[in-house]
Amino acid sequence: MTADHLRVALGGVPDPDWLDEALRQVATDPATITRFFPAVGRRCGRDALPDAPGWTADEAARALLLTALPSDHAGYADALYRRGDAAEKRAVLKALPLLPIGAAGAPLLHDAIRTNDTRLVAAALGPYARHLDAAAWRQAVLKCVFTGVPLAVVADLDSRADGELAVMLGGLADERHAAGRDMPADATDLLDRLTAGSGRPTAREA
C-alpha cells in the first residue's frame, strides 16, 4: 500500500475539501497535525475502503496526514500514538511503513503488542513489523494465537517463521491438547508446515 493508493481510495470521503486543506496545512505548518488528526473520523468517516482492503477511511486519512509532514515523522508519529485513542493508535501503526523513519517506530510496535487490544496487535504486525527482532516477532505471533488474532494479518509470516517458532507453537499445542482445547486452525496449519519432514507428529496427528 502506498500513500498515492490511499489518496485515490479516499476519493469518496464525505468531506474531501476538508482533507485536502488539512493535508496542505500540515505540509506547511506541521504542528497543525495535532488538531487535524483527532477530527479525521468525524470529517472523513470510518467506513472500510473497498479500494484499500484492510483500511478504513479514518485510518487512511490519518496515514496521509503523517506522510504530508515535511519532517520529524517519527516524533509526530510517537506523540500522536501516545496521546491518541485506539483508532488513532491503529492509524499510526498502519502508517509506519509509509514514513521515512527507518526503525524509529519500533517502540510503538512493542507497546501495541503488550496491550490486550487485538486490533492494535493486528495493526502492529503489518509490514513495519520487519523492524521487530526475531525473538520479539515470535512472541508477537504467539500472542496472536493466544488472543485469536488471525495469522493472516501477520506480514511475512511464511518467510520469517522458523524452527524456534515451531517449538513455541508445538509447546502451546501440547498444553492445549492436555487441557482438552484445540489450537486455532491457522496456527495448526502453520505448525504443520513448519514441522513437515521433521519427524515430529503434526499438530493434527497429535
Protein backbone atom coordinates (compact mmCIF):
# COMPACT_ATOMS: atom_id res chain seq x y z
CA MET A 1 0.00 0.00 0.00
CA THR A 2 1.29 3.48 -0.89
CA ALA A 3 0.20 6.97 0.04
CA ASP A 4 -0.91 7.55 -3.56
CA HIS A 5 -3.06 4.42 -3.43
CA LEU A 6 -4.68 5.57 -0.20
CA ARG A 7 -5.34 9.03 -1.67
CA VAL A 8 -7.20 7.50 -4.60
CA ALA A 9 -9.13 5.16 -2.31
CA LEU A 10 -10.27 8.17 -0.27
CA GLY A 11 -11.82 9.87 -3.29
CA GLY A 12 -15.34 9.35 -1.97
CA VAL A 13 -14.92 10.60 1.61
CA PRO A 14 -17.76 12.78 2.91
CA ASP A 15 -15.66 15.97 3.10
CA PRO A 16 -12.81 15.79 0.55
CA ASP A 17 -12.22 19.55 0.66
CA TRP A 18 -11.52 19.35 4.40
CA LEU A 19 -8.98 16.59 3.85
CA ASP A 20 -7.27 18.49 1.03
CA GLU A 21 -6.98 21.60 3.18
CA ALA A 22 -5.74 19.58 6.17
CA LEU A 23 -3.02 17.99 4.05
CA ARG A 24 -1.95 21.42 2.72
CA GLN A 25 -1.76 22.92 6.19
CA VAL A 26 0.17 20.01 7.67
CA ALA A 27 2.71 20.25 4.85
CA THR A 28 3.37 23.93 5.62
CA ASP A 29 2.70 24.02 9.37
CA PRO A 30 3.42 20.57 10.85
CA ALA A 31 2.09 21.41 14.31
CA THR A 32 -1.44 21.61 12.89
CA ILE A 33 -1.48 17.81 12.60
CA THR A 34 -2.29 17.64 16.31
CA ARG A 35 -5.55 19.49 15.57
CA PHE A 36 -6.50 17.65 12.40
CA PHE A 37 -5.61 14.11 13.49
CA PRO A 38 -8.38 13.67 16.10
CA ALA A 39 -11.00 15.25 13.79
CA VAL A 40 -10.48 12.80 10.94
CA GLY A 41 -13.12 10.26 11.97
CA ARG A 42 -15.81 12.93 12.09
CA ARG A 43 -14.81 14.59 8.80
CA CYS A 44 -13.80 11.60 6.67
CA GLY A 45 -15.88 8.79 8.15
CA ARG A 46 -14.86 5.38 9.41
CA ASP A 47 -16.11 3.12 6.64
CA ALA A 48 -13.98 0.38 5.13
CA LEU A 49 -12.35 1.38 1.84
CA PRO A 50 -13.19 -1.08 -0.97
CA ASP A 51 -10.14 0.03 -2.96
CA ALA A 52 -7.77 -0.31 0.01
CA PRO A 53 -8.53 -3.67 1.63
CA GLY A 54 -7.86 -3.72 5.36
CA TRP A 55 -8.07 0.07 5.68
CA THR A 56 -10.86 2.32 6.90
CA ALA A 57 -11.33 5.91 5.75
CA ASP A 58 -10.14 7.40 9.04
CA GLU A 59 -7.03 5.19 9.11
CA ALA A 60 -6.11 6.11 5.55
CA ALA A 61 -6.69 9.84 6.04
CA ARG A 62 -4.60 9.86 9.21
CA ALA A 63 -1.83 7.99 7.43
CA LEU A 64 -1.87 10.63 4.68
CA LEU A 65 -1.60 13.41 7.26
CA LEU A 66 1.53 11.75 8.63
CA THR A 67 3.04 11.35 5.17
CA ALA A 68 2.31 15.03 4.45
CA LEU A 69 4.64 16.16 7.23
CA PRO A 70 7.79 17.81 5.86
CA SER A 71 9.99 16.45 8.65
CA ASP A 72 10.11 14.78 12.09
CA HIS A 73 7.77 11.99 11.05
CA ALA A 74 8.99 9.75 13.87
CA GLY A 75 8.46 12.41 16.53
CA TYR A 76 4.94 13.22 15.45
CA ALA A 77 4.04 9.55 14.99
CA ASP A 78 5.19 8.83 18.54
CA ALA A 79 3.32 11.79 20.03
CA LEU A 80 0.08 11.08 18.16
CA TYR A 81 0.22 7.42 19.11
CA ARG A 82 0.89 8.11 22.80
CA ARG A 83 -1.92 10.67 23.06
CA GLY A 84 -4.39 9.01 20.73
CA ASP A 85 -7.41 6.82 21.26
CA ALA A 86 -7.46 3.26 19.96
CA ALA A 87 -8.47 4.28 16.43
CA GLU A 88 -5.72 6.91 16.25
CA LYS A 89 -3.14 4.43 17.54
CA ARG A 90 -4.14 1.90 14.86
CA ALA A 91 -3.79 4.55 12.18
CA VAL A 92 -0.28 5.45 13.35
CA LEU A 93 0.77 1.80 13.38
CA LYS A 94 -0.58 1.21 9.89
CA ALA A 95 1.10 4.37 8.62
CA LEU A 96 4.58 3.45 9.85
CA PRO A 97 5.65 1.58 6.67
CA LEU A 98 4.82 4.70 4.65
CA LEU A 99 7.06 7.02 6.66
CA PRO A 100 10.80 7.73 6.18
CA ILE A 101 11.72 6.76 9.74
CA GLY A 102 13.72 3.55 9.47
CA ALA A 103 13.32 1.54 12.67
CA ALA A 104 12.47 4.57 14.85
CA GLY A 105 8.85 3.47 15.19
CA ALA A 106 9.66 0.04 16.60
CA PRO A 107 8.92 1.08 20.22
CA LEU A 108 5.33 1.71 19.17
CA LEU A 109 5.07 -1.87 17.94
CA HIS A 110 6.32 -3.17 21.27
CA ASP A 111 3.77 -1.04 23.10
CA ALA A 112 0.90 -2.23 20.91
CA ILE A 113 1.86 -5.88 21.26
CA ARG A 114 1.83 -5.56 25.05
CA THR A 115 -1.81 -4.43 25.06
CA ASN A 116 -4.91 -6.60 25.19
CA ASP A 117 -6.43 -4.76 22.22
CA THR A 118 -6.41 -7.36 19.46
CA ARG A 119 -6.88 -4.72 16.77
CA LEU A 120 -3.73 -2.94 17.94
CA VAL A 121 -1.83 -6.22 17.96
CA ALA A 122 -3.01 -6.93 14.42
CA ALA A 123 -2.01 -3.45 13.22
CA ALA A 124 1.43 -3.85 14.79
CA LEU A 125 2.14 -7.00 12.77
CA GLY A 126 1.79 -5.44 9.35
CA PRO A 127 4.75 -4.74 7.02
CA TYR A 128 6.55 -2.49 9.53
CA ALA A 129 6.98 -5.49 11.85
CA ARG A 130 10.10 -6.31 9.83
CA HIS A 131 11.78 -3.99 12.34
CA LEU A 132 11.00 -6.37 15.22
CA ASP A 133 13.86 -8.68 16.08
CA ALA A 134 13.24 -12.39 15.69
CA ALA A 135 12.53 -13.07 19.37
CA ALA A 136 10.02 -10.22 19.71
CA TRP A 137 8.36 -11.18 16.43
CA ARG A 138 7.93 -14.81 17.54
CA GLN A 139 6.38 -13.70 20.82
CA ALA A 140 4.01 -11.45 18.90
CA VAL A 141 2.92 -14.31 16.65
CA LEU A 142 2.32 -16.46 19.72
CA LYS A 143 0.23 -13.67 21.23
CA CYS A 144 -1.91 -13.70 18.09
CA VAL A 145 -2.59 -17.38 18.66
CA PHE A 146 -3.40 -16.78 22.35
CA THR A 147 -5.75 -13.88 21.66
CA GLY A 148 -7.43 -15.13 18.49
CA VAL A 149 -5.88 -12.66 16.06
CA PRO A 150 -5.92 -14.33 12.62
CA LEU A 151 -2.42 -15.15 11.45
CA ALA A 152 -3.38 -13.84 8.01
CA VAL A 153 -2.66 -10.32 9.34
CA VAL A 154 0.99 -11.17 10.08
CA ALA A 155 3.17 -9.80 7.30
CA ASP A 156 5.94 -12.08 6.00
CA LEU A 157 4.70 -14.96 8.14
CA ASP A 158 5.89 -17.74 5.85
CA SER A 159 9.31 -16.22 5.25
CA ARG A 160 10.00 -15.39 8.92
CA ALA A 161 8.51 -18.45 10.62
CA ASP A 162 11.33 -20.75 11.74
CA GLY A 163 12.20 -23.72 13.88
CA GLU A 164 12.14 -21.66 17.07
CA LEU A 165 8.57 -20.60 16.35
CA ALA A 166 7.69 -24.22 15.61
CA VAL A 167 8.98 -25.23 19.05
CA MET A 168 6.92 -22.50 20.70
CA LEU A 169 3.78 -23.41 18.78
CA GLY A 170 4.38 -27.09 19.48
CA GLY A 171 4.59 -26.41 23.21
CA LEU A 172 1.37 -24.44 23.11
CA ALA A 173 -0.32 -27.18 21.10
CA ASP A 174 0.75 -29.77 23.68
CA GLU A 175 -0.58 -27.62 26.53
CA ARG A 176 -3.91 -27.12 24.81
CA HIS A 177 -4.21 -30.78 23.91
CA ALA A 178 -3.59 -31.75 27.55
CA ALA A 179 -6.29 -29.31 28.61
CA GLY A 180 -8.74 -30.65 26.04
CA ARG A 181 -8.63 -27.47 23.99
CA ASP A 182 -7.97 -27.04 20.29
CA MET A 183 -5.45 -24.79 18.59
CA PRO A 184 -6.81 -22.26 16.09
CA ALA A 185 -6.92 -23.79 12.61
CA ASP A 186 -4.47 -21.26 11.14
CA ALA A 187 -1.94 -21.96 13.91
CA THR A 188 -2.32 -25.70 13.37
CA ASP A 189 -1.73 -25.24 9.65
CA LEU A 190 1.38 -23.15 10.30
CA LEU A 191 2.78 -25.66 12.77
CA ASP A 192 2.18 -28.48 10.32
CA ARG A 193 4.04 -26.59 7.59
CA LEU A 194 6.95 -25.88 9.92
CA THR A 195 7.24 -29.47 11.17
CA ALA A 196 6.68 -31.24 7.85
CA GLY A 197 9.52 -33.69 7.31
CA SER A 198 10.94 -33.16 10.79
CA GLY A 199 9.82 -36.50 12.18
CA ARG A 200 7.67 -34.78 14.78
CA PRO A 201 3.97 -35.66 14.61
CA THR A 202 1.99 -32.85 13.03
CA ALA A 203 -0.43 -30.92 15.18
CA ARG A 204 -3.32 -32.69 13.51
CA GLU A 205 -1.80 -36.11 14.16
CA ALA A 206 -1.15 -35.21 17.77
